[in-house]
N, C-alpha and C. Protein backbone atom coordinates (compact mmCIF):
# COMPACT_ATOMS: atom_id res chain seq x y z
N UNK A 1 79.42 100.68 148.14
CA UNK A 1 78.58 100.36 146.99
C UNK A 1 77.12 100.54 147.39
N UNK A 2 76.36 101.19 146.52
CA UNK A 2 74.95 101.46 146.80
C UNK A 2 74.12 100.18 146.68
N UNK A 3 73.06 100.12 147.47
CA UNK A 3 72.14 98.99 147.38
C UNK A 3 71.32 99.15 146.10
N UNK A 4 71.10 98.05 145.40
CA UNK A 4 70.33 98.10 144.16
C UNK A 4 68.88 98.43 144.46
N UNK A 5 68.31 99.40 143.74
CA UNK A 5 66.88 99.69 143.90
C UNK A 5 66.06 98.47 143.48
N UNK A 6 64.90 98.31 144.08
CA UNK A 6 64.08 97.12 143.86
C UNK A 6 63.38 97.10 142.52
N UNK A 7 62.85 98.20 142.06
CA UNK A 7 61.98 98.20 140.88
C UNK A 7 62.61 99.02 139.76
N UNK A 8 63.78 98.59 139.28
CA UNK A 8 64.48 99.36 138.26
C UNK A 8 64.82 98.51 137.05
N UNK A 9 64.75 99.15 135.91
CA UNK A 9 65.22 98.58 134.66
C UNK A 9 66.26 99.55 134.13
N UNK A 10 67.42 99.05 133.72
CA UNK A 10 68.48 99.89 133.19
C UNK A 10 68.62 99.64 131.70
N UNK A 11 68.68 100.74 130.94
CA UNK A 11 68.73 100.67 129.49
C UNK A 11 69.92 101.48 129.00
N UNK A 12 70.68 100.92 128.08
CA UNK A 12 71.76 101.65 127.43
C UNK A 12 71.34 101.98 126.01
N UNK A 13 71.44 103.26 125.61
CA UNK A 13 71.04 103.67 124.26
C UNK A 13 71.65 105.02 123.90
N UNK A 14 72.14 105.14 122.69
CA UNK A 14 72.60 106.41 122.14
C UNK A 14 73.51 107.19 123.08
N UNK A 15 74.50 106.52 123.66
CA UNK A 15 75.46 107.19 124.52
C UNK A 15 74.97 107.51 125.91
N UNK A 16 73.83 106.95 126.31
CA UNK A 16 73.25 107.21 127.63
C UNK A 16 72.94 105.89 128.34
N UNK A 17 72.84 105.97 129.66
CA UNK A 17 72.24 104.91 130.46
C UNK A 17 71.04 105.55 131.14
N UNK A 18 69.89 104.88 131.07
CA UNK A 18 68.65 105.40 131.63
C UNK A 18 68.10 104.39 132.63
N UNK A 19 67.65 104.88 133.77
CA UNK A 19 67.00 104.03 134.77
C UNK A 19 65.50 104.31 134.71
N UNK A 20 64.72 103.25 134.64
CA UNK A 20 63.26 103.35 134.59
C UNK A 20 62.66 102.60 135.75
N UNK A 21 61.52 103.09 136.22
CA UNK A 21 60.73 102.32 137.19
C UNK A 21 60.14 101.14 136.44
N UNK A 22 60.36 99.95 136.96
CA UNK A 22 59.86 98.76 136.29
C UNK A 22 58.34 98.69 136.26
N UNK A 23 57.68 99.21 137.28
CA UNK A 23 56.22 99.11 137.36
C UNK A 23 55.50 100.12 136.48
N UNK A 24 56.12 101.26 136.20
CA UNK A 24 55.42 102.30 135.44
C UNK A 24 56.14 102.72 134.16
N UNK A 25 57.44 102.43 134.04
CA UNK A 25 58.21 102.89 132.89
C UNK A 25 58.68 104.33 133.04
N UNK A 26 58.38 104.97 134.17
CA UNK A 26 58.77 106.36 134.40
C UNK A 26 60.29 106.44 134.49
N UNK A 27 60.86 107.47 133.83
CA UNK A 27 62.30 107.67 133.89
C UNK A 27 62.70 108.21 135.26
N UNK A 28 63.68 107.57 135.87
CA UNK A 28 64.18 107.96 137.20
C UNK A 28 65.41 108.85 137.05
N UNK A 29 66.34 108.45 136.20
CA UNK A 29 67.50 109.27 135.89
C UNK A 29 68.05 108.89 134.53
N UNK A 30 68.89 109.80 133.99
CA UNK A 30 69.54 109.59 132.69
C UNK A 30 70.95 110.14 132.80
N UNK A 31 71.93 109.35 132.38
CA UNK A 31 73.33 109.76 132.43
C UNK A 31 73.94 109.68 131.05
N UNK A 32 74.52 110.79 130.61
CA UNK A 32 75.25 110.85 129.33
C UNK A 32 76.66 110.36 129.57
N UNK A 33 77.10 109.42 128.73
CA UNK A 33 78.46 108.90 128.82
C UNK A 33 79.31 109.52 127.73
N UNK A 34 80.64 109.51 127.92
CA UNK A 34 81.52 109.96 126.84
C UNK A 34 81.33 109.02 125.67
N UNK A 35 81.19 109.55 124.50
CA UNK A 35 80.97 108.72 123.32
C UNK A 35 79.51 108.75 122.92
N UNK A 36 79.23 108.10 121.80
CA UNK A 36 77.86 108.05 121.30
C UNK A 36 77.57 106.64 120.81
N UNK A 37 76.32 106.42 120.48
CA UNK A 37 75.97 105.16 119.86
C UNK A 37 75.62 104.07 120.86
N UNK A 38 75.93 102.85 120.46
CA UNK A 38 75.55 101.67 121.21
C UNK A 38 76.15 101.69 122.61
N UNK A 39 75.33 101.39 123.61
CA UNK A 39 75.79 101.26 124.99
C UNK A 39 75.36 99.89 125.50
N UNK A 40 76.32 99.11 125.92
CA UNK A 40 76.05 97.82 126.53
C UNK A 40 76.00 98.05 128.04
N UNK A 41 74.88 97.79 128.67
CA UNK A 41 74.74 98.00 130.12
C UNK A 41 74.35 96.70 130.79
N UNK A 42 74.84 96.51 132.00
CA UNK A 42 74.49 95.31 132.74
C UNK A 42 74.90 95.43 134.19
N UNK A 43 74.40 94.50 134.96
CA UNK A 43 74.74 94.44 136.39
C UNK A 43 75.70 93.29 136.61
N UNK A 44 76.74 93.56 137.38
CA UNK A 44 77.71 92.53 137.72
C UNK A 44 78.16 92.76 139.15
N UNK A 45 77.92 91.77 140.00
CA UNK A 45 78.33 91.87 141.40
C UNK A 45 77.79 93.12 142.08
N UNK A 46 76.55 93.48 141.77
CA UNK A 46 75.91 94.63 142.40
C UNK A 46 76.33 95.97 141.84
N UNK A 47 77.11 95.97 140.78
CA UNK A 47 77.55 97.21 140.15
C UNK A 47 76.83 97.39 138.82
N UNK A 48 76.49 98.64 138.50
CA UNK A 48 75.90 98.95 137.21
C UNK A 48 77.03 99.35 136.28
N UNK A 49 77.28 98.55 135.27
CA UNK A 49 78.37 98.80 134.33
C UNK A 49 77.81 99.13 132.97
N UNK A 50 78.51 100.01 132.25
CA UNK A 50 78.10 100.38 130.90
C UNK A 50 79.36 100.53 130.06
N UNK A 51 79.30 100.03 128.84
CA UNK A 51 80.44 100.10 127.93
C UNK A 51 80.02 100.77 126.64
N UNK A 52 80.84 101.74 126.20
CA UNK A 52 80.62 102.41 124.93
C UNK A 52 81.90 103.09 124.49
N UNK A 53 82.14 103.12 123.20
CA UNK A 53 83.28 103.84 122.65
C UNK A 53 84.61 103.46 123.24
N UNK A 54 84.80 102.19 123.59
CA UNK A 54 86.07 101.74 124.14
C UNK A 54 86.25 102.00 125.62
N UNK A 55 85.26 102.56 126.30
CA UNK A 55 85.34 102.85 127.73
C UNK A 55 84.38 101.96 128.50
N UNK A 56 84.78 101.60 129.70
CA UNK A 56 83.90 100.90 130.63
C UNK A 56 83.62 101.85 131.78
N UNK A 57 82.36 102.06 132.10
CA UNK A 57 81.92 102.97 133.16
C UNK A 57 81.25 102.18 134.27
N UNK A 58 81.43 102.63 135.50
CA UNK A 58 80.70 102.10 136.64
C UNK A 58 79.82 103.23 137.16
N UNK A 59 78.51 102.99 137.22
CA UNK A 59 77.56 104.01 137.65
C UNK A 59 76.90 103.62 138.97
N UNK A 60 76.52 104.64 139.73
CA UNK A 60 75.73 104.42 140.93
C UNK A 60 74.32 104.05 140.47
N UNK A 61 73.81 102.86 140.83
CA UNK A 61 72.48 102.45 140.35
C UNK A 61 71.34 103.28 140.91
N UNK A 62 71.58 104.03 141.99
CA UNK A 62 70.54 104.86 142.60
C UNK A 62 70.46 106.22 141.92
N UNK A 63 71.62 106.85 141.67
CA UNK A 63 71.64 108.23 141.17
C UNK A 63 72.07 108.36 139.71
N UNK A 64 72.76 107.35 139.19
CA UNK A 64 73.29 107.44 137.83
C UNK A 64 74.63 108.13 137.75
N UNK A 65 75.18 108.57 138.88
CA UNK A 65 76.49 109.23 138.89
C UNK A 65 77.57 108.25 138.42
N UNK A 66 78.49 108.75 137.60
CA UNK A 66 79.61 107.93 137.16
C UNK A 66 80.60 107.84 138.31
N UNK A 67 80.86 106.62 138.77
CA UNK A 67 81.78 106.39 139.88
C UNK A 67 83.22 106.28 139.38
N UNK A 68 83.39 105.65 138.23
CA UNK A 68 84.70 105.57 137.60
C UNK A 68 84.53 105.17 136.15
N UNK A 69 85.61 105.40 135.37
CA UNK A 69 85.63 104.86 134.01
C UNK A 69 87.04 104.45 133.67
N UNK A 70 87.14 103.49 132.77
CA UNK A 70 88.42 102.95 132.35
C UNK A 70 88.39 102.87 130.83
N UNK A 71 89.36 103.51 130.18
CA UNK A 71 89.33 103.52 128.72
C UNK A 71 89.85 102.22 128.10
N UNK A 72 90.30 101.29 128.91
CA UNK A 72 90.74 99.98 128.42
C UNK A 72 91.66 100.13 127.22
N UNK A 73 92.76 100.87 127.42
CA UNK A 73 93.73 101.17 126.36
C UNK A 73 94.17 99.91 125.63
N UNK A 74 94.25 100.06 124.32
CA UNK A 74 94.74 98.99 123.47
C UNK A 74 93.72 97.96 123.07
N UNK A 75 92.48 98.10 123.54
CA UNK A 75 91.46 97.11 123.20
C UNK A 75 90.50 97.58 122.12
N UNK A 76 90.65 98.78 121.63
CA UNK A 76 89.83 99.26 120.53
C UNK A 76 88.45 99.71 120.98
N UNK A 77 87.56 99.81 119.98
CA UNK A 77 86.23 100.37 120.21
C UNK A 77 85.11 99.39 119.94
N UNK A 78 85.40 98.10 119.87
CA UNK A 78 84.37 97.12 119.58
C UNK A 78 83.42 96.93 120.74
N UNK A 79 82.46 96.04 120.54
CA UNK A 79 81.48 95.74 121.58
C UNK A 79 82.16 95.03 122.74
N UNK A 80 81.67 95.28 123.95
CA UNK A 80 82.18 94.61 125.15
C UNK A 80 81.05 93.80 125.75
N UNK A 81 81.39 92.67 126.32
CA UNK A 81 80.38 91.90 127.05
C UNK A 81 80.55 92.18 128.53
N UNK A 82 79.45 92.13 129.27
CA UNK A 82 79.47 92.36 130.71
C UNK A 82 78.78 91.18 131.39
N UNK A 83 79.50 90.06 131.52
CA UNK A 83 78.89 88.93 132.22
C UNK A 83 78.88 89.21 133.72
N UNK A 84 77.95 88.62 134.42
CA UNK A 84 77.92 88.83 135.86
C UNK A 84 76.75 88.12 136.49
N UNK A 85 76.64 88.30 137.78
CA UNK A 85 75.59 87.63 138.53
C UNK A 85 74.41 88.54 138.77
N UNK A 86 74.33 89.64 138.05
CA UNK A 86 73.29 90.62 138.33
C UNK A 86 72.10 90.56 137.40
N UNK A 87 71.80 89.41 136.83
CA UNK A 87 70.66 89.31 135.93
C UNK A 87 69.35 89.43 136.67
N UNK A 88 68.27 89.28 135.93
CA UNK A 88 66.94 89.46 136.50
C UNK A 88 66.70 88.54 137.69
N UNK A 89 67.18 87.31 137.62
CA UNK A 89 66.99 86.38 138.73
C UNK A 89 67.68 86.86 140.00
N UNK A 90 68.88 87.39 139.84
CA UNK A 90 69.62 87.90 141.00
C UNK A 90 68.93 89.13 141.59
N UNK A 91 68.41 90.00 140.71
CA UNK A 91 67.70 91.19 141.20
C UNK A 91 66.43 90.79 141.94
N UNK A 92 65.71 89.83 141.40
CA UNK A 92 64.48 89.37 142.05
C UNK A 92 64.81 88.75 143.41
N UNK A 93 65.87 87.96 143.47
CA UNK A 93 66.26 87.35 144.74
C UNK A 93 66.66 88.42 145.75
N UNK A 94 67.36 89.44 145.29
CA UNK A 94 67.77 90.54 146.18
C UNK A 94 66.55 91.30 146.69
N UNK A 95 65.56 91.52 145.81
CA UNK A 95 64.35 92.23 146.21
C UNK A 95 63.56 91.42 147.24
N UNK A 96 63.47 90.11 147.03
CA UNK A 96 62.76 89.24 147.97
C UNK A 96 63.47 89.25 149.32
N UNK A 97 64.80 89.16 149.31
CA UNK A 97 65.57 89.18 150.56
C UNK A 97 65.38 90.50 151.29
N UNK A 98 65.39 91.61 150.55
CA UNK A 98 65.21 92.93 151.17
C UNK A 98 63.82 93.06 151.77
N UNK A 99 62.81 92.55 151.09
CA UNK A 99 61.44 92.61 151.61
C UNK A 99 61.30 91.76 152.87
N UNK A 100 61.91 90.59 152.91
CA UNK A 100 61.89 89.75 154.10
C UNK A 100 62.55 90.46 155.27
N UNK A 101 63.68 91.12 155.00
CA UNK A 101 64.41 91.86 156.02
C UNK A 101 63.55 93.02 156.56
N UNK A 102 62.88 93.73 155.66
CA UNK A 102 62.02 94.84 156.04
C UNK A 102 60.87 94.35 156.92
N UNK A 103 60.25 93.26 156.54
CA UNK A 103 59.14 92.71 157.31
C UNK A 103 59.59 92.23 158.68
N UNK A 104 60.77 91.61 158.72
CA UNK A 104 61.28 91.13 160.00
C UNK A 104 61.58 92.31 160.94
N UNK A 105 62.13 93.38 160.38
CA UNK A 105 62.43 94.58 161.19
C UNK A 105 61.15 95.23 161.67
N UNK A 106 60.10 95.25 160.84
CA UNK A 106 58.84 95.87 161.21
C UNK A 106 58.11 95.04 162.28
N UNK A 107 58.34 93.74 162.30
CA UNK A 107 57.67 92.87 163.26
C UNK A 107 58.27 92.96 164.66
N UNK A 108 59.45 93.50 164.76
CA UNK A 108 60.10 93.59 166.09
C UNK A 108 59.85 94.90 166.76
């Protein structure tokens, strides 16, 4: 599993997931998913997940590559929720921990 980038915002819209630099809003990558319309995207356990058109996708948060998808047969095409521990607080904590680790490595 890829390490989460520090300054990223992930947006789901119109059948795509887009990664933006949080500090500038610059687009880093864009991935087209099967299907169109509403995309629910979120982080759960360090994974970038996106749901649209009855499919759940797992994307590499660094490159946007689709790692896997599951059509969740028999569950229809309604909205999906993606609960997880990857909210803004978890990302901030991960970024702080990574910066501490970097500083400790640089000091030795």
